[in-house]
Amino acid sequence: MSGAVTIENGFAGIDAGAWLVGRGQPTAFRGAAVRRRRKGWLVRDRAALDLVETTDRAWCADATRPFLTHIPCAAPLAAISSKVLVAPAAARTGADLVKVVPMSTRAALCTTFFATDWAVMATASRTVRLSVADGETLAVRPEAVVAWTGNRPTGFVRRLGVWDILLPRLPRDLMLHFHGPCVVWAEGARDARLASRVARPFTGRSYGV
């Protein structure tokens, strides 16, 4: 085992050790927290996760993703890299890009794989654990996926046009299909079109909603 974790008041507390943490973590620590270089020529999740060695107690939390989910790795786990808050560094077995759009790597999901111990995920809303039996299929919006066990999901759209491949937007009816047996953790989805309107900077003009 690579150490236990304590979740309290939205913080994940860890002891001395080597950890994979989200960017900007840990939030607070005693002793020292030294960032180490992640070795390897092609480290897919390098932009999302840092390697940190702590000498004493440390705490991780993300103000923009206040809901924490502890997932034990009883089976090999695939976790969305950007939603990993903290996990034992030794538990990681690799990372890859999971295609969201069929026949395209655009908007692919950067995914980190864990084989042992556990991972704490930080999300913007509460998560749900969904079990999928052998022979069943579960459809989940790509932005809502947190983690899963079992086979990789497949992207699915009812009708994929040429513009869906060429334009920088995702198809509106895009879903990820998980084929059982597997377990999927998902958080609440959001309307990307509404989010883009809210995030638009003020330029002196009025925009309709």
Protein backbone atom coordinates (compact mmCIF):
# COMPACT_ATOMS: atom_id res chain seq x y z
CA MET A 1 0.00 0.00 0.00
CA SER A 2 1.15 3.54 -0.71
CA GLY A 3 -0.58 5.18 2.25
CA ALA A 4 -4.09 6.06 3.25
CA VAL A 5 -6.10 9.20 2.60
CA THR A 6 -8.53 11.04 4.85
CA ILE A 7 -11.36 13.09 3.33
CA GLU A 8 -12.77 15.82 5.55
CA ASN A 9 -14.42 19.20 4.85
CA GLY A 10 -13.64 18.94 1.13
CA PHE A 11 -9.94 18.23 1.71
CA ALA A 12 -8.00 15.03 1.01
CA GLY A 13 -5.33 14.58 3.68
CA ILE A 14 -2.24 12.50 2.89
CA ASP A 15 0.93 11.54 4.77
CA ALA A 16 4.55 11.55 3.69
CA GLY A 17 5.13 9.81 0.34
CA ALA A 18 5.16 10.16 -3.44
CA TRP A 19 1.90 11.36 -4.93
CA LEU A 20 0.28 12.25 -8.24
CA VAL A 21 -1.62 15.47 -7.65
CA GLY A 22 -3.62 17.93 -9.72
CA ARG A 23 -2.04 21.21 -10.76
CA GLY A 24 -1.58 23.62 -7.86
CA GLN A 25 -1.66 20.87 -5.24
CA PRO A 26 -1.14 20.32 -2.38
CA THR A 27 -3.07 23.26 -0.99
CA ALA A 28 -1.33 23.08 2.40
CA PHE A 29 1.42 20.95 3.89
CA ARG A 30 3.76 20.52 6.83
CA GLY A 31 7.45 19.94 6.25
CA ALA A 32 8.24 20.01 2.53
CA ALA A 33 6.44 19.23 -0.73
CA VAL A 34 8.97 18.83 -3.53
CA ARG A 35 7.90 18.58 -7.17
CA ARG A 36 9.78 15.95 -9.12
CA ARG A 37 10.24 15.60 -12.87
CA ARG A 38 8.02 12.96 -14.39
CA LYS A 39 10.27 10.74 -16.44
CA GLY A 40 9.34 9.46 -19.86
CA TRP A 41 9.35 10.57 -23.49
CA LEU A 42 5.57 10.56 -23.95
CA VAL A 43 3.66 11.21 -20.72
CA ARG A 44 0.09 11.89 -21.84
CA ASP A 45 -1.09 13.25 -18.50
CA ARG A 46 1.94 15.44 -17.80
CA ALA A 47 -0.07 18.65 -18.31
CA ALA A 48 -2.76 17.58 -15.84
CA LEU A 49 -0.83 15.88 -13.03
CA ASP A 50 2.33 16.62 -11.06
CA LEU A 51 4.59 14.27 -9.10
CA VAL A 52 5.08 15.55 -5.56
CA GLU A 53 7.04 14.07 -2.66
CA THR A 54 5.87 15.13 0.80
CA THR A 55 7.83 14.74 4.03
CA ASP A 56 4.87 15.23 6.38
CA ARG A 57 1.10 15.69 6.36
CA ALA A 58 -0.41 17.50 3.35
CA TRP A 59 -3.90 18.50 2.23
CA CYS A 60 -5.33 18.73 -1.30
CA ALA A 61 -8.45 20.61 -2.38
CA ASP A 62 -9.71 22.47 -5.45
CA ALA A 63 -12.02 25.46 -5.01
CA THR A 64 -13.52 24.99 -8.49
CA ARG A 65 -14.17 21.26 -7.92
CA PRO A 66 -15.29 20.92 -4.29
CA PHE A 67 -16.82 17.44 -4.42
CA LEU A 68 -14.41 14.59 -3.66
CA THR A 69 -14.91 10.93 -4.51
CA HIS A 70 -12.63 8.20 -3.15
CA ILE A 71 -12.39 5.30 -5.62
CA PRO A 72 -10.61 2.12 -4.49
CA CYS A 73 -8.78 0.32 -7.28
CA ALA A 74 -10.19 -3.15 -6.69
CA ALA A 75 -10.04 -3.49 -10.50
CA PRO A 76 -7.89 -1.54 -12.98
CA LEU A 77 -9.24 2.00 -13.03
CA ALA A 78 -9.29 4.56 -15.85
CA ALA A 79 -9.68 8.11 -14.55
CA ILE A 80 -10.04 11.42 -16.37
CA SER A 81 -6.64 13.00 -15.71
CA SER A 82 -7.91 16.55 -15.20
CA LYS A 83 -10.30 15.33 -12.47
CA VAL A 84 -7.70 13.44 -10.43
CA LEU A 85 -6.99 15.34 -7.20
CA VAL A 86 -4.52 12.96 -5.58
CA ALA A 87 -3.42 9.32 -5.92
CA PRO A 88 -0.38 7.26 -4.92
CA ALA A 89 2.29 7.69 -7.60
CA ALA A 90 3.11 3.98 -7.55
CA ALA A 91 -0.48 3.08 -8.46
CA ARG A 92 -0.27 4.68 -11.91
CA THR A 93 0.33 2.27 -14.80
CA GLY A 94 0.11 4.69 -17.74
CA ALA A 95 -1.99 7.25 -19.56
CA ASP A 96 -3.58 7.63 -22.98
CA LEU A 97 -6.03 9.65 -25.06
CA VAL A 98 -9.51 8.17 -25.35
CA LYS A 99 -11.20 9.31 -28.55
CA VAL A 100 -14.47 11.16 -28.10
CA VAL A 101 -15.26 11.87 -31.74
CA PRO A 102 -15.24 8.78 -33.98
CA MET A 103 -12.32 8.81 -36.45
CA SER A 104 -10.77 11.89 -34.80
CA THR A 105 -8.43 12.70 -31.90
CA ARG A 106 -10.04 16.14 -31.44
CA ALA A 107 -11.25 16.70 -27.87
CA ALA A 108 -9.95 13.27 -26.85
CA LEU A 109 -10.12 12.55 -23.11
CA CYS A 110 -6.73 12.39 -21.40
CA THR A 111 -7.02 9.36 -19.14
CA THR A 112 -4.74 8.05 -16.38
CA PHE A 113 -4.74 4.36 -15.48
CA PHE A 114 -4.36 2.95 -11.97
CA ALA A 115 -3.94 -0.70 -11.01
CA THR A 116 -3.68 -0.63 -7.20
CA ASP A 117 -4.50 1.45 -4.12
CA TRP A 118 -6.97 4.28 -4.82
CA ALA A 119 -7.60 7.64 -6.46
CA VAL A 120 -9.44 10.69 -5.16
CA MET A 121 -11.38 12.53 -7.86
CA ALA A 122 -12.42 16.19 -7.60
CA THR A 123 -15.54 17.23 -9.50
CA ALA A 124 -17.78 20.27 -9.89
CA SER A 125 -20.86 18.33 -8.77
CA ARG A 126 -21.63 15.16 -6.87
CA THR A 127 -20.83 11.84 -8.52
CA VAL A 128 -22.84 8.67 -9.01
CA ARG A 129 -21.54 5.10 -9.28
CA LEU A 130 -23.24 3.21 -12.12
CA SER A 131 -22.87 -0.55 -12.56
CA VAL A 132 -23.29 -1.97 -16.05
CA ALA A 133 -24.02 -5.67 -16.36
CA ASP A 134 -22.58 -7.96 -19.01
CA GLY A 135 -24.37 -7.31 -22.29
CA GLU A 136 -25.72 -3.93 -21.23
CA THR A 137 -24.73 -0.50 -22.59
CA LEU A 138 -24.64 2.80 -20.69
CA ALA A 139 -24.59 6.16 -22.50
CA VAL A 140 -22.87 9.08 -20.73
CA ARG A 141 -22.12 12.62 -21.88
CA PRO A 142 -18.33 12.99 -22.37
CA GLU A 143 -17.94 15.94 -20.00
CA ALA A 144 -19.75 14.03 -17.24
CA VAL A 145 -17.40 11.02 -17.21
CA VAL A 146 -15.16 10.83 -14.13
CA ALA A 147 -13.73 7.30 -14.16
CA TRP A 148 -14.52 3.72 -15.15
CA THR A 149 -13.46 0.11 -14.95
CA GLY A 150 -13.65 -2.40 -17.79
CA ASN A 151 -13.36 -1.78 -21.53
CA ARG A 152 -12.84 1.64 -23.04
CA PRO A 153 -15.98 3.48 -24.09
CA THR A 154 -16.86 4.11 -27.70
CA GLY A 155 -18.02 7.44 -29.12
CA PHE A 156 -21.49 7.45 -30.62
CA VAL A 157 -23.53 10.00 -32.59
CA ARG A 158 -26.77 9.24 -34.41
CA ARG A 159 -25.57 11.09 -37.47
CA LEU A 160 -21.99 12.26 -38.00
CA GLY A 161 -21.63 14.82 -40.78
CA VAL A 162 -18.54 16.22 -42.46
CA TRP A 163 -18.86 19.50 -40.55
CA ASP A 164 -18.86 17.62 -37.24
CA ILE A 165 -15.35 16.42 -38.10
CA LEU A 166 -14.01 19.67 -39.59
CA LEU A 167 -15.45 22.30 -37.22
CA PRO A 168 -13.84 22.90 -33.79
CA ARG A 169 -17.08 22.09 -31.96
CA LEU A 170 -18.29 18.68 -30.80
CA PRO A 171 -21.43 17.09 -32.22
CA ARG A 172 -24.36 18.13 -30.03
CA ASP A 173 -25.70 14.60 -29.58
CA LEU A 174 -22.31 13.00 -28.90
CA MET A 175 -22.36 10.29 -26.21
CA LEU A 176 -19.89 7.78 -24.85
CA HIS A 177 -21.12 4.18 -24.75
CA PHE A 178 -19.83 1.94 -21.97
CA HIS A 179 -20.28 -1.78 -22.58
CA GLY A 180 -20.62 -4.07 -19.58
CA PRO A 181 -19.47 -5.56 -17.43
CA CYS A 182 -18.04 -2.32 -16.02
CA VAL A 183 -18.52 0.40 -13.44
CA VAL A 184 -18.77 4.08 -14.38
CA TRP A 185 -18.51 7.15 -12.15
CA ALA A 186 -20.21 10.25 -13.55
CA GLU A 187 -20.84 13.82 -12.43
CA GLY A 188 -23.46 16.33 -13.50
CA ALA A 189 -23.31 17.59 -17.07
CA ARG A 190 -23.58 21.20 -18.18
CA ASP A 191 -24.74 23.01 -21.30
CA ALA A 192 -21.53 23.92 -23.13
CA ARG A 193 -23.37 26.48 -25.25
CA LEU A 194 -24.61 28.35 -22.17
CA ALA A 195 -21.14 28.18 -20.57
CA SER A 196 -19.54 29.72 -23.66
CA ARG A 197 -22.02 32.61 -23.58
CA VAL A 198 -21.42 33.31 -19.90
CA ALA A 199 -17.65 33.24 -20.40
CA ARG A 200 -17.77 35.70 -23.34
CA PRO A 201 -15.98 38.94 -22.36
CA PHE A 202 -17.85 42.28 -22.45
CA THR A 203 -16.95 44.34 -25.51
CA GLY A 204 -19.53 47.13 -25.29
CA ARG A 205 -22.17 45.21 -27.24
CA SER A 206 -25.25 43.43 -25.94
CA TYR A 207 -25.65 39.72 -26.54
CA GLY A 208 -28.90 37.81 -26.51
CA VAL A 209 -29.16 34.74 -24.31
